[in-house]
Amino acid sequence: MTTEDMNLGAFSVSLAVADLTQSMDFYRMLGFTAIGGDHETWVILANQDTVLGLFQGMFEGNILTFNPGWSGNGQPIEGEFTDVRHLKEAVEAAGIAVVADTTTESSSGPASFSVVDPDGNAILIDQHV
């Protein structure tokens, strides 16, 4: 696989928030509705094809997130998708350093890895299926 063949899956922005309830209320006023989460420490919100994850106390900073095998509404896609393990191999082959990796813990199913772009932005490739 080359980087031109990479299909990273659904895109969302994961925001580190100070007050989950206050942030949920704000994004609801912008037309977002909850599509997942425990509503105590994290929630996934959607507005049409735009998806935001709000996370309180789970990580520092905001993260660009890609979910192989998921649709934009947080549901598994029908058909085949590029497994996160193959994506990690392509990223490493392109010379990008992986900074966190759970892909070696199993040969299929949920796994993730992270990279950091040249400006210090965290990018998470997180497969849930």
C-alpha atoms as a PDB file:
ATOM      1  CA  MET A   1       0.000   0.000   0.000  1.00  0.00           C
ATOM      2  CA  THR A   2       1.202   3.468  -0.803  1.00  0.00           C
ATOM      3  CA  THR A   3       0.148   6.683   0.847  1.00  0.00           C
ATOM      4  CA  GLU A   4      -1.912   7.473  -2.275  1.00  0.00           C
ATOM      5  CA  ASP A   5      -4.030   4.366  -1.547  1.00  0.00           C
ATOM      6  CA  MET A   6      -4.706   5.240   2.099  1.00  0.00           C
ATOM      7  CA  ASN A   7      -8.336   5.512   3.175  1.00  0.00           C
ATOM      8  CA  LEU A   8      -8.218   6.774   6.740  1.00  0.00           C
ATOM      9  CA  GLY A   9     -11.963   6.507   7.353  1.00  0.00           C
ATOM     10  CA  ALA A  10     -14.316   8.952   9.017  1.00  0.00           C
ATOM     11  CA  PHE A  11     -12.785  12.233  10.203  1.00  0.00           C
ATOM     12  CA  SER A  12     -13.541  14.052  13.424  1.00  0.00           C
ATOM     13  CA  VAL A  13     -11.916  16.523  15.749  1.00  0.00           C
ATOM     14  CA  SER A  14     -11.424  15.415  19.340  1.00  0.00           C
ATOM     15  CA  LEU A  15     -11.493  18.374  21.697  1.00  0.00           C
ATOM     16  CA  ALA A  16     -10.095  18.382  25.224  1.00  0.00           C
ATOM     17  CA  VAL A  17     -12.713  20.319  27.215  1.00  0.00           C
ATOM     18  CA  ALA A  18     -12.751  21.737  30.734  1.00  0.00           C
ATOM     19  CA  ASP A  19     -16.481  21.238  31.363  1.00  0.00           C
ATOM     20  CA  LEU A  20     -18.240  18.550  29.333  1.00  0.00           C
ATOM     21  CA  THR A  21     -21.782  19.727  30.101  1.00  0.00           C
ATOM     22  CA  GLN A  22     -21.007  23.320  29.196  1.00  0.00           C
ATOM     23  CA  SER A  23     -19.304  22.252  25.964  1.00  0.00           C
ATOM     24  CA  MET A  24     -22.168  19.897  25.011  1.00  0.00           C
ATOM     25  CA  ASP A  25     -24.667  22.710  25.568  1.00  0.00           C
ATOM     26  CA  PHE A  26     -22.602  25.072  23.403  1.00  0.00           C
ATOM     27  CA  TYR A  27     -22.319  22.637  20.481  1.00  0.00           C
ATOM     28  CA  ARG A  28     -26.015  21.728  20.740  1.00  0.00           C
ATOM     29  CA  MET A  29     -26.777  25.429  20.175  1.00  0.00           C
ATOM     30  CA  LEU A  30     -24.769  25.086  16.934  1.00  0.00           C
ATOM     31  CA  GLY A  31     -26.990  22.201  15.814  1.00  0.00           C
ATOM     32  CA  PHE A  32     -24.950  19.203  16.998  1.00  0.00           C
ATOM     33  CA  THR A  33     -26.635  16.141  18.520  1.00  0.00           C
ATOM     34  CA  ALA A  34     -25.094  13.377  20.604  1.00  0.00           C
ATOM     35  CA  ILE A  35     -24.449  10.111  18.768  1.00  0.00           C
ATOM     36  CA  GLY A  36     -22.313   8.342  21.375  1.00  0.00           C
ATOM     37  CA  GLY A  37     -20.331   8.522  24.579  1.00  0.00           C
ATOM     38  CA  ASP A  38     -20.848   8.089  28.282  1.00  0.00           C
ATOM     39  CA  HIS A  39     -21.976  11.743  28.725  1.00  0.00           C
ATOM     40  CA  GLU A  40     -19.873  11.954  31.902  1.00  0.00           C
ATOM     41  CA  THR A  41     -16.325  12.181  30.561  1.00  0.00           C
ATOM     42  CA  TRP A  42     -16.823  12.029  26.794  1.00  0.00           C
ATOM     43  CA  VAL A  43     -19.438  12.452  24.084  1.00  0.00           C
ATOM     44  CA  ILE A  44     -19.473  12.233  20.289  1.00  0.00           C
ATOM     45  CA  LEU A  45     -21.571  14.891  18.544  1.00  0.00           C
ATOM     46  CA  ALA A  46     -22.624  15.191  14.908  1.00  0.00           C
ATOM     47  CA  ASN A  47     -24.067  17.880  12.695  1.00  0.00           C
ATOM     48  CA  GLN A  48     -24.729  16.297   9.307  1.00  0.00           C
ATOM     49  CA  ASP A  49     -21.297  15.017   8.175  1.00  0.00           C
ATOM     50  CA  THR A  50     -19.336  16.951  10.801  1.00  0.00           C
ATOM     51  CA  VAL A  51     -18.308  14.987  13.893  1.00  0.00           C
ATOM     52  CA  LEU A  52     -16.798  16.296  17.133  1.00  0.00           C
ATOM     53  CA  GLY A  53     -15.610  14.344  20.121  1.00  0.00           C
ATOM     54  CA  LEU A  54     -15.620  16.162  23.463  1.00  0.00           C
ATOM     55  CA  PHE A  55     -13.347  14.675  26.131  1.00  0.00           C
ATOM     56  CA  GLN A  56     -13.032  15.941  29.698  1.00  0.00           C
ATOM     57  CA  GLY A  57      -9.868  15.004  31.587  1.00  0.00           C
ATOM     58  CA  MET A  58      -8.841  12.283  29.144  1.00  0.00           C
ATOM     59  CA  PHE A  59      -5.980  13.965  27.259  1.00  0.00           C
ATOM     60  CA  GLU A  60      -4.201  17.269  26.784  1.00  0.00           C
ATOM     61  CA  GLY A  61      -4.738  19.246  23.627  1.00  0.00           C
ATOM     62  CA  ASN A  62      -6.957  18.623  20.644  1.00  0.00           C
ATOM     63  CA  ILE A  63      -6.566  15.683  18.269  1.00  0.00           C
ATOM     64  CA  LEU A  64      -7.397  15.149  14.609  1.00  0.00           C
ATOM     65  CA  THR A  65      -9.043  11.717  14.547  1.00  0.00           C
ATOM     66  CA  PHE A  66      -9.626   9.234  11.733  1.00  0.00           C
ATOM     67  CA  ASN A  67     -11.710   6.073  12.205  1.00  0.00           C
ATOM     68  CA  PRO A  68     -11.141   3.307   9.639  1.00  0.00           C
ATOM     69  CA  GLY A  69     -14.271   1.209   9.195  1.00  0.00           C
ATOM     70  CA  TRP A  70     -16.651   3.844  10.539  1.00  0.00           C
ATOM     71  CA  SER A  71     -19.096   6.114   8.789  1.00  0.00           C
ATOM     72  CA  GLY A  72     -19.388   9.799   9.624  1.00  0.00           C
ATOM     73  CA  ASN A  73     -22.254   9.038  12.008  1.00  0.00           C
ATOM     74  CA  GLY A  74     -20.163   6.688  14.133  1.00  0.00           C
ATOM     75  CA  GLN A  75     -21.511   3.422  12.739  1.00  0.00           C
ATOM     76  CA  PRO A  76     -19.564   0.556  11.159  1.00  0.00           C
ATOM     77  CA  ILE A  77     -19.490   0.820   7.377  1.00  0.00           C
ATOM     78  CA  GLU A  78     -20.752  -1.970   5.169  1.00  0.00           C
ATOM     79  CA  GLY A  79     -18.121  -3.674   3.089  1.00  0.00           C
ATOM     80  CA  GLU A  80     -14.377  -3.641   3.242  1.00  0.00           C
ATOM     81  CA  PHE A  81     -12.104  -0.937   4.590  1.00  0.00           C
ATOM     82  CA  THR A  82      -8.364  -0.538   5.099  1.00  0.00           C
ATOM     83  CA  ASP A  83      -7.353  -2.049   8.429  1.00  0.00           C
ATOM     84  CA  VAL A  84      -5.483   0.227  10.827  1.00  0.00           C
ATOM     85  CA  ARG A  85      -2.505  -2.168  10.809  1.00  0.00           C
ATOM     86  CA  HIS A  86      -2.046  -1.683   7.057  1.00  0.00           C
ATOM     87  CA  LEU A  87      -2.397   2.069   7.480  1.00  0.00           C
ATOM     88  CA  LYS A  88       0.336   2.033  10.123  1.00  0.00           C
ATOM     89  CA  GLU A  89       2.642   0.082   7.804  1.00  0.00           C
ATOM     90  CA  ALA A  90       2.080   2.634   5.024  1.00  0.00           C
ATOM     91  CA  VAL A  91       2.683   5.557   7.386  1.00  0.00           C
ATOM     92  CA  GLU A  92       5.942   4.050   8.623  1.00  0.00           C
ATOM     93  CA  ALA A  93       7.015   3.196   5.057  1.00  0.00           C
ATOM     94  CA  ALA A  94       6.495   6.873   4.203  1.00  0.00           C
ATOM     95  CA  GLY A  95       8.967   7.776   6.964  1.00  0.00           C
ATOM     96  CA  ILE A  96       6.461   9.087   9.508  1.00  0.00           C
ATOM     97  CA  ALA A  97       7.235   8.199  13.118  1.00  0.00           C
ATOM     98  CA  VAL A  98       4.486   6.462  15.080  1.00  0.00           C
ATOM     99  CA  VAL A  99       4.313   7.777  18.656  1.00  0.00           C
ATOM    100  CA  ALA A 100       1.702   5.462  20.177  1.00  0.00           C
ATOM    101  CA  ASP A 101       0.640   2.062  18.890  1.00  0.00           C
ATOM    102  CA  THR A 102      -1.767  -0.694  19.929  1.00  0.00           C
ATOM    103  CA  THR A 103      -1.798  -2.430  16.523  1.00  0.00           C
ATOM    104  CA  THR A 104       0.620  -5.141  17.652  1.00  0.00           C
ATOM    105  CA  GLU A 105      -1.714  -6.328  20.435  1.00  0.00           C
ATOM    106  CA  SER A 106      -4.017  -8.197  18.027  1.00  0.00           C
ATOM    107  CA  SER A 107      -4.082  -9.170  14.365  1.00  0.00           C
ATOM    108  CA  SER A 108      -7.569  -7.788  13.692  1.00  0.00           C
ATOM    109  CA  GLY A 109     -10.317  -5.671  15.222  1.00  0.00           C
ATOM    110  CA  PRO A 110      -9.977  -2.542  17.323  1.00  0.00           C
ATOM    111  CA  ALA A 111      -6.543  -0.891  17.457  1.00  0.00           C
ATOM    112  CA  SER A 112      -4.971   2.515  17.057  1.00  0.00           C
ATOM    113  CA  PHE A 113      -1.808   4.460  16.470  1.00  0.00           C
ATOM    114  CA  SER A 114      -0.837   8.117  16.632  1.00  0.00           C
ATOM    115  CA  VAL A 115       1.474  10.433  14.764  1.00  0.00           C
ATOM    116  CA  VAL A 116       2.370  14.089  15.162  1.00  0.00           C
ATOM    117  CA  ASP A 117       2.477  16.492  12.224  1.00  0.00           C
ATOM    118  CA  PRO A 118       5.377  18.944  11.698  1.00  0.00           C
ATOM    119  CA  ASP A 119       3.516  21.629  13.688  1.00  0.00           C
ATOM    120  CA  GLY A 120       2.950  19.408  16.713  1.00  0.00           C
ATOM    121  CA  ASN A 121      -0.687  18.510  15.989  1.00  0.00           C
ATOM    122  CA  ALA A 122      -1.653  15.073  17.248  1.00  0.00           C
ATOM    123  CA  ILE A 123      -3.326  12.721  14.764  1.00  0.00           C
ATOM    124  CA  LEU A 124      -5.041   9.548  15.989  1.00  0.00           C
ATOM    125  CA  ILE A 125      -5.954   6.677  13.667  1.00  0.00           C
ATOM    126  CA  ASP A 126      -8.467   4.771  15.798  1.00  0.00           C
ATOM    127  CA  GLN A 127     -10.248   1.670  14.495  1.00  0.00           C
ATOM    128  CA  HIS A 128     -13.244   0.494  16.554  1.00  0.00           C
ATOM    129  CA  VAL A 129     -14.341  -2.514  14.476  1.00  0.00           C
END
